[in-house]
Amino acid sequence: MRNLRVSRQTAARARLPGAPARVGGLRNGSSRSGSAYPGGMTSPASDTITMFGADWCGDCRRTKKQLDELGVEYTYIDLVQDPAAADVAKEISGRMNIPVVLYPDASHHVEPSNADVEAKLRELSLI
């Protein structure tokens, strides 16, 4: 389990000046969402998956890889690049663990297994 708190030292090491947030299926930090979480968003896009995570988190890297391999579009919120988004993830999940995966039907997973994610994507007819 990974805690959402990121030390200043870890955050400083992980930041790359000018590097855009990564979005699965999309490049250069672009998003299909008309609004965004911290940094401009007020609510997640209702027609896509939103994943809150950090590159230092093994479960986050695994879930991102799975979504990429399945060709599923999603918006990735990098909690190192945007630490204020951790509060949004906590508000959604009620927990301090990541990744938090928010689905178009407003349900969510916290630290999901690959099987959990795949089952939900099938339920939503996204794969």
Protein backbone atom coordinates (compact mmCIF):
# COMPACT_ATOMS: atom_id res chain seq x y z
CA MET A 1 0.00 0.00 0.00
CA ARG A 2 1.23 3.43 -0.89
CA ASN A 3 0.40 6.54 1.07
CA LEU A 4 -0.60 9.70 -0.81
CA ARG A 5 1.83 11.85 1.15
CA VAL A 6 4.91 12.74 -0.87
CA SER A 7 7.98 14.15 0.82
CA ARG A 8 9.27 17.46 -0.52
CA GLN A 9 12.54 15.74 -1.36
CA THR A 10 10.79 12.98 -3.34
CA ALA A 11 8.60 15.52 -5.11
CA ALA A 12 11.61 17.67 -6.00
CA ARG A 13 13.51 14.67 -7.42
CA ALA A 14 10.52 13.51 -9.46
CA ARG A 15 9.71 16.90 -11.03
CA LEU A 16 11.03 17.51 -14.49
CA PRO A 17 10.68 21.15 -15.51
CA GLY A 18 8.23 21.52 -18.37
CA ALA A 19 7.35 17.81 -18.46
CA PRO A 20 3.65 17.29 -19.22
CA ALA A 21 1.51 14.89 -17.24
CA ARG A 22 1.14 11.57 -19.05
CA VAL A 23 -2.28 10.62 -20.30
CA GLY A 24 -2.95 7.11 -21.57
CA GLY A 25 -3.92 7.04 -25.20
CA LEU A 26 -3.14 10.75 -25.47
CA ARG A 27 0.14 12.66 -25.70
CA ASN A 28 1.58 15.89 -24.34
CA GLY A 29 -0.76 16.06 -21.37
CA SER A 30 -3.83 16.67 -23.51
CA SER A 31 -7.13 15.46 -22.19
CA ARG A 32 -10.59 14.87 -23.58
CA SER A 33 -11.99 16.48 -20.46
CA GLY A 34 -13.30 20.01 -20.72
CA SER A 35 -12.35 20.57 -17.10
CA ALA A 36 -9.53 19.29 -14.93
CA TYR A 37 -8.82 18.60 -11.28
CA PRO A 38 -6.25 20.72 -9.44
CA GLY A 39 -4.68 23.05 -11.89
CA GLY A 40 -8.09 23.88 -13.33
CA MET A 41 -10.48 20.94 -12.89
CA THR A 42 -13.61 21.06 -10.83
CA SER A 43 -14.79 17.51 -11.56
CA PRO A 44 -13.55 14.46 -13.45
CA ALA A 45 -14.68 13.86 -17.01
CA SER A 46 -17.77 11.68 -16.88
CA ASP A 47 -16.99 9.95 -20.17
CA THR A 48 -13.51 8.68 -19.38
CA ILE A 49 -11.41 7.01 -16.72
CA THR A 50 -9.39 9.20 -14.39
CA MET A 51 -6.43 7.70 -12.56
CA PHE A 52 -4.68 9.41 -9.65
CA GLY A 53 -1.17 8.11 -9.05
CA ALA A 54 2.56 8.69 -8.86
CA ASP A 55 5.47 7.21 -10.77
CA TRP A 56 7.17 6.09 -7.54
CA CYS A 57 4.18 3.82 -6.81
CA GLY A 58 4.51 0.28 -8.16
CA ASP A 59 0.74 -0.32 -8.16
CA CYS A 60 0.28 2.91 -10.12
CA ARG A 61 2.85 1.90 -12.74
CA ARG A 62 1.21 -1.53 -13.03
CA THR A 63 -2.28 -0.08 -13.49
CA LYS A 64 -1.07 2.50 -16.04
CA LYS A 65 0.68 -0.26 -17.97
CA GLN A 66 -2.47 -2.37 -17.97
CA LEU A 67 -4.65 0.49 -19.25
CA ASP A 68 -2.06 1.31 -21.92
CA GLU A 69 -1.81 -2.31 -23.06
CA LEU A 70 -5.59 -2.60 -23.25
CA GLY A 71 -5.74 0.60 -25.31
CA VAL A 72 -8.12 2.28 -22.90
CA GLU A 73 -8.13 6.09 -22.87
CA TYR A 74 -7.72 7.63 -19.45
CA THR A 75 -6.67 10.85 -17.83
CA TYR A 76 -3.67 10.49 -15.53
CA ILE A 77 -3.36 12.89 -12.60
CA ASP A 78 0.26 12.84 -11.37
CA LEU A 79 0.22 13.49 -7.63
CA VAL A 80 3.91 14.43 -7.63
CA GLN A 81 3.37 17.10 -10.28
CA ASP A 82 0.12 18.23 -8.63
CA PRO A 83 0.20 17.42 -4.88
CA ALA A 84 -3.13 19.21 -4.29
CA ALA A 85 -4.80 16.46 -6.33
CA ALA A 86 -4.10 14.07 -3.42
CA ASP A 87 -6.94 15.78 -1.55
CA VAL A 88 -9.27 15.15 -4.49
CA ALA A 89 -8.25 11.48 -4.65
CA LYS A 90 -8.84 11.15 -0.90
CA GLU A 91 -12.25 12.82 -1.24
CA ILE A 92 -13.22 10.32 -3.94
CA SER A 93 -11.92 7.21 -2.21
CA GLY A 94 -12.03 8.08 1.48
CA ARG A 95 -8.53 6.61 1.74
CA MET A 96 -4.92 7.76 1.54
CA ASN A 97 -3.82 4.98 -0.85
CA ILE A 98 -3.08 5.09 -4.57
CA PRO A 99 -3.77 4.49 -7.33
CA VAL A 100 -7.35 5.71 -7.29
CA VAL A 101 -9.11 4.81 -10.52
CA LEU A 102 -12.36 6.67 -11.16
CA TYR A 103 -14.65 5.16 -13.82
CA PRO A 104 -17.22 6.86 -16.08
CA ASP A 105 -20.09 5.43 -13.98
CA ALA A 106 -18.68 7.31 -10.91
CA SER A 107 -17.51 4.10 -9.22
CA HIS A 108 -13.86 3.80 -8.23
CA HIS A 109 -11.13 1.37 -7.21
CA VAL A 110 -8.31 1.98 -4.77
CA GLU A 111 -5.17 -0.12 -5.34
CA PRO A 112 -7.04 -2.42 -7.72
CA SER A 113 -5.67 -5.71 -8.97
CA ASN A 114 -5.38 -6.21 -12.72
CA ALA A 115 -8.34 -8.59 -12.49
CA ASP A 116 -10.46 -5.90 -10.75
CA VAL A 117 -9.65 -3.33 -13.43
CA GLU A 118 -10.29 -5.76 -16.28
CA ALA A 119 -13.62 -6.88 -14.80
CA LYS A 120 -14.77 -3.27 -14.41
CA LEU A 121 -13.69 -2.36 -17.94
CA ARG A 122 -15.66 -5.35 -19.28
CA GLU A 123 -18.68 -4.38 -17.19
CA LEU A 124 -18.55 -0.90 -18.74
CA SER A 125 -17.98 -2.36 -22.23
CA LEU A 126 -14.70 -0.46 -22.53
CA ILE A 127 -12.79 -3.57 -23.66
